[in-house]
PDB file of N, CA and C in Angstrom:
ATOM      1  N   MET A   1     101.370 105.308  77.373  1.00  0.00           N
ATOM      2  CA  MET A   1     100.383 106.458  78.395  1.00  0.00           C
ATOM      3  C   MET A   1     101.147 107.097  78.599  1.00  0.00           C
ATOM      4  N   PRO A   2     100.967 108.489  78.665  1.00  0.00           N
ATOM      5  CA  PRO A   2     101.343 109.420  79.223  1.00  0.00           C
ATOM      6  C   PRO A   2     101.826 109.759  80.608  1.00  0.00           C
ATOM      7  N   ALA A   3     103.296 110.353  80.367  1.00  0.00           N
ATOM      8  CA  ALA A   3     103.168 111.209  82.129  1.00  0.00           C
ATOM      9  C   ALA A   3     103.088 111.803  82.283  1.00  0.00           C
ATOM     10  N   VAL A   4     102.465 111.952  84.014  1.00  0.00           N
ATOM     11  CA  VAL A   4     101.967 112.439  85.161  1.00  0.00           C
ATOM     12  C   VAL A   4     102.244 113.749  84.988  1.00  0.00           C
ATOM     13  N   PRO A   5     101.972 115.441  84.789  1.00  0.00           N
ATOM     14  CA  PRO A   5     102.475 116.320  85.096  1.00  0.00           C
ATOM     15  C   PRO A   5     103.002 116.616  85.989  1.00  0.00           C
ATOM     16  N   GLN A   6     104.449 116.916  86.273  1.00  0.00           N
ATOM     17  CA  GLN A   6     104.990 117.445  87.582  1.00  0.00           C
ATOM     18  C   GLN A   6     104.252 118.990  87.704  1.00  0.00           C
ATOM     19  N   GLY A   7     104.317 119.737  86.930  1.00  0.00           N
ATOM     20  CA  GLY A   7     104.017 121.118  86.508  1.00  0.00           C
ATOM     21  C   GLY A   7     102.717 121.069  87.536  1.00  0.00           C
ATOM     22  N   HIS A   8     101.595 120.443  87.684  1.00  0.00           N
ATOM     23  CA  HIS A   8     100.211 120.350  88.575  1.00  0.00           C
ATOM     24  C   HIS A   8     100.387 120.463  89.771  1.00  0.00           C
ATOM     25  N   ALA A   9     100.134 121.255  90.444  1.00  0.00           N
ATOM     26  CA  ALA A   9      99.938 121.198  91.880  1.00  0.00           C
ATOM     27  C   ALA A   9      99.061 120.349  93.102  1.00  0.00           C
ATOM     28  N   GLY A  10      97.923 119.811  92.242  1.00  0.00           N
ATOM     29  CA  GLY A  10      96.914 119.593  93.059  1.00  0.00           C
ATOM     30  C   GLY A  10      97.106 118.186  91.887  1.00  0.00           C
ATOM     31  N   GLY A  11      97.216 117.808  91.250  1.00  0.00           N
ATOM     32  CA  GLY A  11      97.451 116.171  90.247  1.00  0.00           C
ATOM     33  C   GLY A  11      96.614 116.316  89.311  1.00  0.00           C
ATOM     34  N   LEU A  12      96.188 114.839  89.364  1.00  0.00           N
ATOM     35  CA  LEU A  12      95.387 115.087  87.484  1.00  0.00           C
ATOM     36  C   LEU A  12      93.754 115.954  88.013  1.00  0.00           C
ATOM     37  N   THR A  13      93.194 116.137  86.970  1.00  0.00           N
ATOM     38  CA  THR A  13      92.404 116.660  86.767  1.00  0.00           C
ATOM     39  C   THR A  13      91.448 115.404  86.644  1.00  0.00           C
ATOM     40  N   VAL A  14      89.913 115.678  87.236  1.00  0.00           N
ATOM     41  CA  VAL A  14      88.899 114.685  87.051  1.00  0.00           C
ATOM     42  C   VAL A  14      88.957 114.403  85.482  1.00  0.00           C
ATOM     43  N   TRP A  15      88.566 115.111  84.458  1.00  0.00           N
ATOM     44  CA  TRP A  15      88.577 114.629  82.779  1.00  0.00           C
ATOM     45  C   TRP A  15      90.405 113.991  82.703  1.00  0.00           C
ATOM     46  N   GLN A  16      91.299 114.254  82.666  1.00  0.00           N
ATOM     47  CA  GLN A  16      92.384 114.098  82.954  1.00  0.00           C
ATOM     48  C   GLN A  16      92.743 112.318  82.971  1.00  0.00           C
ATOM     49  N   LYS A  17      92.218 112.234  84.074  1.00  0.00           N
ATOM     50  CA  LYS A  17      91.828 111.209  85.447  1.00  0.00           C
ATOM     51  C   LYS A  17      90.574 109.806  83.944  1.00  0.00           C
ATOM     52  N   CYS A  18      89.767 110.407  83.743  1.00  0.00           N
ATOM     53  CA  CYS A  18      89.082 109.817  82.705  1.00  0.00           C
ATOM     54  C   CYS A  18      89.635 109.483  81.519  1.00  0.00           C
ATOM     55  N   GLU A  19      90.437 110.654  80.589  1.00  0.00           N
ATOM     56  CA  GLU A  19      90.904 110.088  79.382  1.00  0.00           C
ATOM     57  C   GLU A  19      91.937 109.299  80.039  1.00  0.00           C
ATOM     58  N   MET A  20      92.457 108.637  81.203  1.00  0.00           N
ATOM     59  CA  MET A  20      94.017 108.071  81.204  1.00  0.00           C
ATOM     60  C   MET A  20      92.425 106.466  81.406  1.00  0.00           C
ATOM     61  N   GLY A  21      91.980 106.636  81.870  1.00  0.00           N
ATOM     62  CA  GLY A  21      91.254 105.344  82.059  1.00  0.00           C
ATOM     63  C   GLY A  21      90.812 104.337  81.252  1.00  0.00           C
ATOM     64  N   ALA A  22      90.435 105.314  80.166  1.00  0.00           N
ATOM     65  CA  ALA A  22      89.631 105.355  79.445  1.00  0.00           C
ATOM     66  C   ALA A  22      90.960 104.719  78.578  1.00  0.00           C
ATOM     67  N   ALA A  23      91.767 105.555  78.209  1.00  0.00           N
ATOM     68  CA  ALA A  23      92.443 104.573  77.359  1.00  0.00           C
ATOM     69  C   ALA A  23      93.268 103.171  77.461  1.00  0.00           C
ATOM     70  N   MET A  24      93.322 103.042  79.157  1.00  0.00           N
ATOM     71  CA  MET A  24      93.400 101.986  79.313  1.00  0.00           C
ATOM     72  C   MET A  24      93.118 100.795  79.280  1.00  0.00           C
ATOM     73  N   GLY A  25      91.344 101.468  79.282  1.00  0.00           N
ATOM     74  CA  GLY A  25      90.251 100.023  79.086  1.00  0.00           C
ATOM     75  C   GLY A  25      90.551 100.146  77.685  1.00  0.00           C
ATOM     76  N   ALA A  26      91.070 100.902  77.040  1.00  0.00           N
ATOM     77  CA  ALA A  26      90.739 100.672  75.512  1.00  0.00           C
ATOM     78  C   ALA A  26      92.045  99.359  75.285  1.00  0.00           C
ATOM     79  N   GLY A  27      92.845  99.910  75.270  1.00  0.00           N
ATOM     80  CA  GLY A  27      94.390  98.395  75.859  1.00  0.00           C
ATOM     81  C   GLY A  27      93.652  97.337  75.658  1.00  0.00           C
ATOM     82  N   VAL A  28      93.445  97.612  76.988  1.00  0.00           N
ATOM     83  CA  VAL A  28      93.034  96.141  77.444  1.00  0.00           C
ATOM     84  C   VAL A  28      91.793  95.423  76.815  1.00  0.00           C
ATOM     85  N   GLY A  29      90.841  96.192  76.281  1.00  0.00           N
ATOM     86  CA  GLY A  29      89.647  95.159  75.826  1.00  0.00           C
ATOM     87  C   GLY A  29      89.899  95.064  74.175  1.00  0.00           C
ATOM     88  N   LEU A  30      91.006  96.045  73.185  1.00  0.00           N
ATOM     89  CA  LEU A  30      91.886  95.564  72.438  1.00  0.00           C
ATOM     90  C   LEU A  30      92.151  93.972  72.365  1.00  0.00           C
ATOM     91  N   THR A  31      92.968  94.036  73.227  1.00  0.00           N
ATOM     92  CA  THR A  31      93.508  92.705  73.785  1.00  0.00           C
ATOM     93  C   THR A  31      92.530  91.778  73.637  1.00  0.00           C
ATOM     94  N   MET A  32      92.005  91.717  74.550  1.00  0.00           N
ATOM     95  CA  MET A  32      90.749  90.711  75.165  1.00  0.00           C
ATOM     96  C   MET A  32      89.513  90.119  73.606  1.00  0.00           C
ATOM     97  N   GLY A  33      89.947  91.357  73.406  1.00  0.00           N
ATOM     98  CA  GLY A  33      88.806  91.514  72.356  1.00  0.00           C
ATOM     99  C   GLY A  33      89.429  90.563  70.662  1.00  0.00           C
ATOM    100  N   PHE A  34      91.205  90.474  70.560  1.00  0.00           N
ATOM    101  CA  PHE A  34      91.204  89.710  70.101  1.00  0.00           C
ATOM    102  C   PHE A  34      91.436  88.387  70.365  1.00  0.00           C
ATOM    103  N   LEU A  35      91.782  88.279  72.141  1.00  0.00           N
ATOM    104  CA  LEU A  35      92.033  86.734  72.329  1.00  0.00           C
ATOM    105  C   LEU A  35      91.211  86.386  72.568  1.00  0.00           C
ATOM    106  N   PHE A  36      89.535  86.688  72.957  1.00  0.00           N
ATOM    107  CA  PHE A  36      88.582  85.562  72.570  1.00  0.00           C
ATOM    108  C   PHE A  36      87.626  85.680  71.053  1.00  0.00           C
ATOM    109  N   GLY A  37      88.006  86.812  69.901  1.00  0.00           N
ATOM    110  CA  GLY A  37      87.657  86.616  68.941  1.00  0.00           C
ATOM    111  C   GLY A  37      88.726  85.992  68.134  1.00  0.00           C
ATOM    112  N   THR A  38      89.520  85.371  68.651  1.00  0.00           N
ATOM    113  CA  THR A  38      90.474  84.784  67.592  1.00  0.00           C
ATOM    114  C   THR A  38      89.747  83.491  68.016  1.00  0.00           C
ATOM    115  N   PHE A  39      89.629  82.942  69.515  1.00  0.00           N
ATOM    116  CA  PHE A  39      89.546  82.110  69.637  1.00  0.00           C
ATOM    117  C   PHE A  39      87.793  81.274  68.962  1.00  0.00           C
ATOM    118  N   SER A  40      87.183  82.297  69.361  1.00  0.00           N
ATOM    119  CA  SER A  40      85.789  82.409  68.619  1.00  0.00           C
ATOM    120  C   SER A  40      85.573  82.447  67.016  1.00  0.00           C
ATOM    121  N   ILE A  41      86.065  83.101  66.400  1.00  0.00           N
ATOM    122  CA  ILE A  41      86.901  82.144  64.775  1.00  0.00           C
ATOM    123  C   ILE A  41      87.594  80.959  64.604  1.00  0.00           C
ATOM    124  N   LEU A  42      88.326  80.218  65.296  1.00  0.00           N
ATOM    125  CA  LEU A  42      89.187  79.116  65.076  1.00  0.00           C
ATOM    126  C   LEU A  42      88.142  78.284  65.609  1.00  0.00           C
ATOM    127  N   ARG A  43      87.082  78.494  66.856  1.00  0.00           N
ATOM    128  CA  ARG A  43      86.418  77.611  66.732  1.00  0.00           C
ATOM    129  C   ARG A  43      85.162  77.379  65.967  1.00  0.00           C
ATOM    130  N   GLY A  44      84.983  78.463  66.083  1.00  0.00           N
ATOM    131  CA  GLY A  44      83.045  78.336  65.279  1.00  0.00           C
ATOM    132  C   GLY A  44      82.508  78.764  63.799  1.00  0.00           C
ATOM    133  N   GLY A  45      84.362  79.168  63.616  1.00  0.00           N
ATOM    134  CA  GLY A  45      84.424  79.862  61.885  1.00  0.00           C
ATOM    135  C   GLY A  45      83.740  81.285  61.883  1.00  0.00           C
ATOM    136  N   ALA A  46      84.157  81.896  60.732  1.00  0.00           N
ATOM    137  CA  ALA A  46      84.187  83.144  60.613  1.00  0.00           C
ATOM    138  C   ALA A  46      82.891  83.462  60.107  1.00  0.00           C
ATOM    139  N   GLY A  47      82.368  83.157  59.666  1.00  0.00           N
ATOM    140  CA  GLY A  47      80.766  83.322  59.264  1.00  0.00           C
ATOM    141  C   GLY A  47      80.735  84.106  58.243  1.00  0.00           C
ATOM    142  N   PRO A  48      79.528  84.627  57.586  1.00  0.00           N
ATOM    143  CA  PRO A  48      79.805  85.410  56.522  1.00  0.00           C
ATOM    144  C   PRO A  48      79.995  86.558  56.065  1.00  0.00           C
ATOM    145  N   ARG A  49      80.745  87.091  57.045  1.00  0.00           N
ATOM    146  CA  ARG A  49      81.162  88.221  56.976  1.00  0.00           C
ATOM    147  C   ARG A  49      82.416  87.945  56.621  1.00  0.00           C
ATOM    148  N   GLY A  50      83.377  87.072  57.313  1.00  0.00           N
ATOM    149  CA  GLY A  50      84.422  86.976  56.888  1.00  0.00           C
ATOM    150  C   GLY A  50      85.295  86.929  57.857  1.00  0.00           C
ATOM    151  N   VAL A  51      87.002  87.135  58.336  1.00  0.00           N
ATOM    152  CA  VAL A  51      87.298  87.057  59.669  1.00  0.00           C
ATOM    153  C   VAL A  51      87.720  88.555  60.231  1.00  0.00           C
ATOM    154  N   LEU A  52      88.402  89.399  59.385  1.00  0.00           N
ATOM    155  CA  LEU A  52      88.749  90.524  59.647  1.00  0.00           C
ATOM    156  C   LEU A  52      87.793  91.482  60.038  1.00  0.00           C
ATOM    157  N   PRO A  53      86.108  91.379  59.441  1.00  0.00           N
ATOM    158  CA  PRO A  53      84.906  92.323  60.153  1.00  0.00           C
ATOM    159  C   PRO A  53      84.604  91.643  61.051  1.00  0.00           C
ATOM    160  N   THR A  54      84.581  90.242  61.520  1.00  0.00           N
ATOM    161  CA  THR A  54      84.230  89.533  63.413  1.00  0.00           C
ATOM    162  C   THR A  54      85.549  89.997  64.320  1.00  0.00           C
ATOM    163  N   LEU A  55      86.364  89.949  63.632  1.00  0.00           N
ATOM    164  CA  LEU A  55      88.080  89.935  64.633  1.00  0.00           C
ATOM    165  C   LEU A  55      87.594  91.343  65.059  1.00  0.00           C
ATOM    166  N   SER A  56      87.365  92.611  64.371  1.00  0.00           N
ATOM    167  CA  SER A  56      87.286  93.681  64.366  1.00  0.00           C
ATOM    168  C   SER A  56      85.884  93.937  64.983  1.00  0.00           C
ATOM    169  N   GLN A  57      85.019  93.278  64.932  1.00  0.00           N
ATOM    170  CA  GLN A  57      83.875  93.504  65.775  1.00  0.00           C
ATOM    171  C   GLN A  57      83.943  93.034  67.183  1.00  0.00           C
ATOM    172  N   TYR A  58      84.554  92.212  67.710  1.00  0.00           N
ATOM    173  CA  TYR A  58      85.089  91.471  68.545  1.00  0.00           C
ATOM    174  C   TYR A  58      86.006  92.499  69.455  1.00  0.00           C
ATOM    175  N   MET A  59      86.694  93.069  68.577  1.00  0.00           N
ATOM    176  CA  MET A  59      87.522  93.750  69.314  1.00  0.00           C
ATOM    177  C   MET A  59      87.501  95.176  69.680  1.00  0.00           C
ATOM    178  N   LEU A  60      86.774  95.683  69.099  1.00  0.00           N
ATOM    179  CA  LEU A  60      85.499  97.270  69.232  1.00  0.00           C
ATOM    180  C   LEU A  60      84.769  97.462  70.075  1.00  0.00           C
ATOM    181  N   GLY A  61      83.681  95.953  70.169  1.00  0.00           N
ATOM    182  CA  GLY A  61      82.775  96.040  71.052  1.00  0.00           C
ATOM    183  C   GLY A  61      83.415  95.783  72.562  1.00  0.00           C
ATOM    184  N   SER A  62      84.874  95.164  72.954  1.00  0.00           N
ATOM    185  CA  SER A  62      85.252  94.925  73.697  1.00  0.00           C
ATOM    186  C   SER A  62      85.796  96.125  74.712  1.00  0.00           C
ATOM    187  N   ALA A  63      86.439  96.789  73.373  1.00  0.00           N
ATOM    188  CA  ALA A  63      87.523  98.018  73.747  1.00  0.00           C
ATOM    189  C   ALA A  63      86.405  98.828  74.227  1.00  0.00           C
ATOM    190  N   ALA A  64      85.053  99.240  73.390  1.00  0.00           N
ATOM    191  CA  ALA A  64      84.296 100.381  74.321  1.00  0.00           C
ATOM    192  C   ALA A  64      83.602  99.466  75.744  1.00  0.00           C
ATOM    193  N   THR A  65      83.571  98.445  75.644  1.00  0.00           N
ATOM    194  CA  THR A  65      83.005  98.249  77.297  1.00  0.00           C
ATOM    195  C   THR A  65      83.800  98.146  78.535  1.00  0.00           C
ATOM    196  N   PHE A  66      85.121  97.871  78.297  1.00  0.00           N
ATOM    197  CA  PHE A  66      86.669  97.965  79.096  1.00  0.00           C
ATOM    198  C   PHE A  66      86.935  99.782  79.906  1.00  0.00           C
ATOM    199  N   SER A  67      86.323 100.612  78.483  1.00  0.00           N
ATOM    200  CA  SER A  67      87.228 101.878  77.942  1.00  0.00           C
ATOM    201  C   SER A  67      86.249 102.894  79.243  1.00  0.00           C
ATOM    202  N   PHE A  68      84.444 102.174  78.853  1.00  0.00           N
ATOM    203  CA  PHE A  68      83.428 103.038  79.339  1.00  0.00           C
ATOM    204  C   PHE A  68      84.259 102.843  81.295  1.00  0.00           C
ATOM    205  N   PHE A  69      83.818 101.651  81.199  1.00  0.00           N
ATOM    206  CA  PHE A  69      83.834 101.237  83.078  1.00  0.00           C
ATOM    207  C   PHE A  69      85.245 101.385  83.595  1.00  0.00           C
ATOM    208  N   LEU A  70      86.382 101.677  82.812  1.00  0.00           N
ATOM    209  CA  LEU A  70      87.987 101.877  83.263  1.00  0.00           C
ATOM    210  C   LEU A  70      88.184 103.299  83.530  1.00  0.00           C
ATOM    211  N   ALA A  71      87.035 104.164  82.415  1.00  0.00           N
ATOM    212  CA  ALA A  71      87.018 105.748  82.724  1.00  0.00           C
ATOM    213  C   ALA A  71      86.629 105.874  83.895  1.00  0.00           C
ATOM    214  N   ILE A  72      85.261 104.991  84.099  1.00  0.00           N
ATOM    215  CA  ILE A  72      84.574 105.843  85.356  1.00  0.00           C
ATOM    216  C   ILE A  72      85.145 105.169  86.812  1.00  0.00           C
ATOM    217  N   GLY A  73      85.430 103.677  86.484  1.00  0.00           N
ATOM    218  CA  GLY A  73      86.303 103.679  87.996  1.00  0.00           C
ATOM    219  C   GLY A  73      87.436 104.500  88.289  1.00  0.00           C
ATOM    220  N   SER A  74      88.469 104.682  87.626  1.00  0.00           N
ATOM    221  CA  SER A  74      89.520 105.551  87.682  1.00  0.00           C
ATOM    222  C   SER A  74      89.176 106.562  88.103  1.00  0.00           C
ATOM    223  N   VAL A  75      88.140 107.670  87.530  1.00  0.00           N
ATOM    224  CA  VAL A  75      87.742 108.861  88.622  1.00  0.00           C
ATOM    225  C   VAL A  75      87.000 108.626  89.419  1.00  0.00           C
ATOM    226  N   ILE A  76      86.141 107.101  90.006  1.00  0.00           N
ATOM    227  CA  ILE A  76      85.906 106.910  91.201  1.00  0.00           C
ATOM    228  C   ILE A  76      87.058 106.846  92.163  1.00  0.00           C
ATOM    229  N   ARG A  77      87.769 106.496  91.857  1.00  0.00           N
ATOM    230  CA  ARG A  77      88.423 105.115  93.000  1.00  0.00           C
ATOM    231  C   ARG A  77      89.821 106.412  92.981  1.00  0.00           C
ATOM    232  N   ASN A  78      90.210 107.399  92.301  1.00  0.00           N
ATOM    233  CA  ASN A  78      91.320 108.649  92.648  1.00  0.00           C
ATOM    234  C   ASN A  78      90.424 109.534  92.884  1.00  0.00           C
ATOM    235  N   ASP A  79      88.795 110.090  93.639  1.00  0.00           N
ATOM    236  CA  ASP A  79      88.811 111.045  93.935  1.00  0.00           C
ATOM    237  C   ASP A  79      88.248 111.640  95.115  1.00  0.00           C
ATOM    238  N   GLY A  80      89.670 111.028  95.660  1.00  0.00           N
ATOM    239  CA  GLY A  80      89.916 111.727  96.864  1.00  0.00           C
ATOM    240  C   GLY A  80      90.801 112.784  97.743  1.00  0.00           C
ATOM    241  N   GLN A  81      90.574 113.688  98.541  1.00  0.00           N
ATOM    242  CA  GLN A  81      90.733 114.951  98.817  1.00  0.00           C
ATOM    243  C   GLN A  81      91.558 114.864  99.095  1.00  0.00           C
ATOM    244  N   LEU A  82      92.220 114.595 100.049  1.00  0.00           N
ATOM    245  CA  LEU A  82      94.019 113.970 100.025  1.00  0.00           C
ATOM    246  C   LEU A  82      95.024 113.206  98.606  1.00  0.00           C
ATOM    247  N   PRO A  83      96.311 114.124  98.697  1.00  0.00           N
ATOM    248  CA  PRO A  83      97.160 112.870  97.915  1.00  0.00           C
ATOM    249  C   PRO A  83      97.182 111.588  98.564  1.00  0.00           C
ATOM    250  N   PRO A  84      98.088 110.809  97.611  1.00  0.00           N
ATOM    251  CA  PRO A  84      97.814 109.179  98.284  1.00  0.00           C
ATOM    252  C   PRO A  84      98.998 109.486  99.483  1.00  0.00           C
ATOM    253  N   HIS A  85     100.137 109.789  98.661  1.00  0.00           N
ATOM    254  CA  HIS A  85     100.836 109.805 100.133  1.00  0.00           C
ATOM    255  C   HIS A  85     100.491 110.493 101.360  1.00  0.00           C
ATOM    256  N   LEU A  86      99.699 111.208 101.661  1.00  0.00           N
ATOM    257  CA  LEU A  86      99.065 111.888 103.074  1.00  0.00           C
ATOM    258  C   LEU A  86      98.273 110.891 103.627  1.00  0.00           C
ATOM    259  N   GLN A  87      97.207 110.579 102.581  1.00  0.00           N
ATOM    260  CA  GLN A  87      96.249 108.712 102.944  1.00  0.00           C
ATOM    261  C   GLN A  87      97.105 107.115 103.314  1.00  0.00           C
ATOM    262  N   ALA A  88      98.190 107.729 103.109  1.00  0.00           N
ATOM    263  CA  ALA A  88      98.750 106.521 103.340  1.00  0.00           C
ATOM    264  C   ALA A  88      99.372 106.900 104.479  1.00  0.00           C
ATOM    265  N   ALA A  89      99.817 107.918 105.196  1.00  0.00           N
ATOM    266  CA  ALA A  89     100.959 108.377 105.882  1.00  0.00           C
ATOM    267  C   ALA A  89     100.214 108.499 107.394  1.00  0.00           C
ATOM    268  N   GLY A  90      98.386 109.044 106.929  1.00  0.00           N
ATOM    269  CA  GLY A  90      97.143 109.052 107.732  1.00  0.00           C
ATOM    270  C   GLY A  90      96.690 107.794 107.991  1.00  0.00           C
ATOM    271  N   MET A  91      96.344 106.428 107.375  1.00  0.00           N
ATOM    272  CA  MET A  91      96.925 105.008 107.716  1.00  0.00           C
ATOM    273  C   MET A  91      97.365 104.449 108.835  1.00  0.00           C
ATOM    274  N   GLN A  92      98.964 104.666 108.766  1.00  0.00           N
ATOM    275  CA  GLN A  92      99.799 104.238 109.235  1.00  0.00           C
ATOM    276  C   GLN A  92      99.858 104.922 110.653  1.00  0.00           C
ATOM    277  N   LEU A  93      99.358 105.978 110.908  1.00  0.00           N
ATOM    278  CA  LEU A  93      99.299 106.949 112.211  1.00  0.00           C
ATOM    279  C   LEU A  93      98.311 106.774 112.754  1.00  0.00           C
ATOM    280  N   ALA A  94      97.034 106.348 112.516  1.00  0.00           N
ATOM    281  CA  ALA A  94      96.285 106.312 112.982  1.00  0.00           C
ATOM    282  C   ALA A  94      95.826 104.645 113.555  1.00  0.00           C
ATOM    283  N   SER A  95      95.471 104.811 115.009  1.00  0.00           N
ATOM    284  CA  SER A  95      95.347 103.191 115.811  1.00  0.00           C
ATOM    285  C   SER A  95      93.992 103.249 114.889  1.00  0.00           C
ATOM    286  N   PRO A  96      94.254 101.910 115.373  1.00  0.00           N
ATOM    287  CA  PRO A  96      92.754 100.886 114.469  1.00  0.00           C
ATOM    288  C   PRO A  96      91.704 101.156 115.593  1.00  0.00           C
ATOM    289  N   ILE A  97      90.874 100.761 115.784  1.00  0.00           N
ATOM    290  CA  ILE A  97      89.274 100.796 116.323  1.00  0.00           C
ATOM    291  C   ILE A  97      89.332  99.622 117.293  1.00  0.00           C
ATOM    292  N   MET A  98      89.932  98.302 116.970  1.00  0.00           N
ATOM    293  CA  MET A  98      89.598  96.896 118.085  1.00  0.00           C
ATOM    294  C   MET A  98      91.637  96.620 117.137  1.00  0.00           C
ATOM    295  N   ARG A  99      92.228  96.796 118.571  1.00  0.00           N
ATOM    296  CA  ARG A  99      93.392  95.602 117.861  1.00  0.00           C
ATOM    297  C   ARG A  99      93.392  94.111 117.960  1.00  0.00           C
ATOM    298  N   SER A 100      91.928  93.697 118.503  1.00  0.00           N
ATOM    299  CA  SER A 100      92.188  92.262 119.037  1.00  0.00           C
ATOM    300  C   SER A 100      90.484  91.932 119.133  1.00  0.00           C
ATOM    301  N   ARG A 101      90.340  90.272 118.860  1.00  0.00           N
ATOM    302  CA  ARG A 101      89.170  89.643 119.465  1.00  0.00           C
ATOM    303  C   ARG A 101      89.027  89.788 120.535  1.00  0.00           C
ATOM    304  N   ALA A 102      90.224  89.059 121.409  1.00  0.00           N
ATOM    305  CA  ALA A 102      89.354  89.912 122.916  1.00  0.00           C
ATOM    306  C   ALA A 102      88.803  91.063 123.194  1.00  0.00           C
ATOM    307  N   GLU A 103      89.575  92.137 122.744  1.00  0.00           N
ATOM    308  CA  GLU A 103      89.232  93.140 122.603  1.00  0.00           C
ATOM    309  C   GLU A 103      87.358  93.867 122.036  1.00  0.00           C
ATOM    310  N   GLY A 104      87.429  93.508 121.236  1.00  0.00           N
ATOM    311  CA  GLY A 104      86.524  93.763 120.328  1.00  0.00           C
ATOM    312  C   GLY A 104      84.979  93.082 121.381  1.00  0.00           C
ATOM    313  N   LEU A 105      85.407  91.670 121.583  1.00  0.00           N
ATOM    314  CA  LEU A 105      84.417  90.776 122.536  1.00  0.00           C
ATOM    315  C   LEU A 105      84.257  91.877 123.777  1.00  0.00           C
ATOM    316  N   SER A 106      85.376  92.269 124.937  1.00  0.00           N
ATOM    317  CA  SER A 106      84.587  92.804 126.124  1.00  0.00           C
ATOM    318  C   SER A 106      84.595  94.683 125.512  1.00  0.00           C
ATOM    319  N   ASN A 107      84.622  95.225 124.224  1.00  0.00           N
ATOM    320  CA  ASN A 107      83.557  96.198 124.137  1.00  0.00           C
ATOM    321  C   ASN A 107      82.741  95.671 123.795  1.00  0.00           C
ATOM    322  N   MET A 108      82.097  94.758 123.206  1.00  0.00           N
ATOM    323  CA  MET A 108      80.944  94.641 122.678  1.00  0.00           C
ATOM    324  C   MET A 108      79.919  93.968 124.350  1.00  0.00           C
ATOM    325  N   ARG A 109      80.203  93.488 124.923  1.00  0.00           N
ATOM    326  CA  ARG A 109      79.542  93.117 125.864  1.00  0.00           C
ATOM    327  C   ARG A 109      79.181  94.199 126.985  1.00  0.00           C
ATOM    328  N   LEU A 110      80.814  95.083 126.927  1.00  0.00           N
ATOM    329  CA  LEU A 110      80.484  96.479 127.727  1.00  0.00           C
ATOM    330  C   LEU A 110      78.895  97.653 127.414  1.00  0.00           C
ATOM    331  N   GLN A 111      78.745  96.958 126.164  1.00  0.00           N
ATOM    332  CA  GLN A 111      77.853  97.829 125.500  1.00  0.00           C
ATOM    333  C   GLN A 111      76.718  97.150 125.499  1.00  0.00           C
ATOM    334  N   TRP A 112      76.898  96.304 125.223  1.00  0.00           N
ATOM    335  CA  TRP A 112      75.231  95.317 125.585  1.00  0.00           C
ATOM    336  C   TRP A 112      74.520  95.297 127.448  1.00  0.00           C
ATOM    337  N   ALA A 113      75.782  95.958 127.965  1.00  0.00           N
ATOM    338  CA  ALA A 113      75.465  95.722 129.504  1.00  0.00           C
ATOM    339  C   ALA A 113      75.209  97.814 129.707  1.00  0.00           C
ATOM    340  N   LEU A 114      75.419  98.320 129.497  1.00  0.00           N
ATOM    341  CA  LEU A 114      74.940  99.897 129.140  1.00  0.00           C
ATOM    342  C   LEU A 114      73.741  99.502 128.326  1.00  0.00           C
ATOM    343  N   GLU A 115      73.445  99.031 127.915  1.00  0.00           N
ATOM    344  CA  GLU A 115      72.127  98.690 126.898  1.00  0.00           C
ATOM    345  C   GLU A 115      71.632  98.357 127.558  1.00  0.00           C
ATOM    346  N   LYS A 116      71.182  96.924 128.595  1.00  0.00           N
ATOM    347  CA  LYS A 116      71.058  96.337 129.328  1.00  0.00           C
ATOM    348  C   LYS A 116      70.467  97.258 130.441  1.00  0.00           C
ATOM    349  N   GLN A 117      71.196  98.404 131.167  1.00  0.00           N
ATOM    350  CA  GLN A 117      70.550  98.997 132.254  1.00  0.00           C
ATOM    351  C   GLN A 117      70.053 100.375 131.491  1.00  0.00           C
ATOM    352  N   ARG A 118      70.269 100.366 130.604  1.00  0.00           N
ATOM    353  CA  ARG A 118      69.012 101.847 129.936  1.00  0.00           C
ATOM    354  C   ARG A 118      67.608 101.145 129.912  1.00  0.00           C
ATOM    355  N   ARG A 119      67.976 100.384 129.509  1.00  0.00           N
ATOM    356  CA  ARG A 119      66.540  99.534 129.485  1.00  0.00           C
ATOM    357  C   ARG A 119      65.286  99.091 130.281  1.00  0.00           C
ATOM    358  N   SER A 120      66.415  98.760 131.604  1.00  0.00           N
ATOM    359  CA  SER A 120      65.830  98.583 132.711  1.00  0.00           C
ATOM    360  C   SER A 120      65.422  99.221 133.748  1.00  0.00           C
ATOM    361  N   PRO A 121      63.936  99.163 133.727  1.00  0.00           N
ATOM    362  CA  PRO A 121      63.492 100.470 134.719  1.00  0.00           C
ATOM    363  C   PRO A 121      64.078 100.684 135.814  1.00  0.00           C
ATOM    364  N   GLN A 122      64.125 101.771 136.302  1.00  0.00           N
ATOM    365  CA  GLN A 122      64.841 102.338 137.725  1.00  0.00           C
ATOM    366  C   GLN A 122      64.366 102.484 138.549  1.00  0.00           C
TER     367      GLN A 122
END
């Protein structure tokens, strides 16, 4: 996997993220295809085509599938507006909406009471 370029102020481009996800997916897919293909050949035999074509078909099919989905997933996952370190800092500093179950229950009861007052004829 290539090193992340440090000169880029905004980080990786969408195309670079897509390429990196596809490369990782290809590596994972080739490995999984090798494992499952080998198991299938040992279990059921190579078939009329032979060992190498059968194994390569498993590996290439798995690599193509993993590459496709990991490329799309890496673009979707990394398509944030803020850099990751700023997102983490914002999550640490932001207070959660509800701090406990009891507070959540009291907020829910308060909302129900307000709705009941709005719906009741005055």
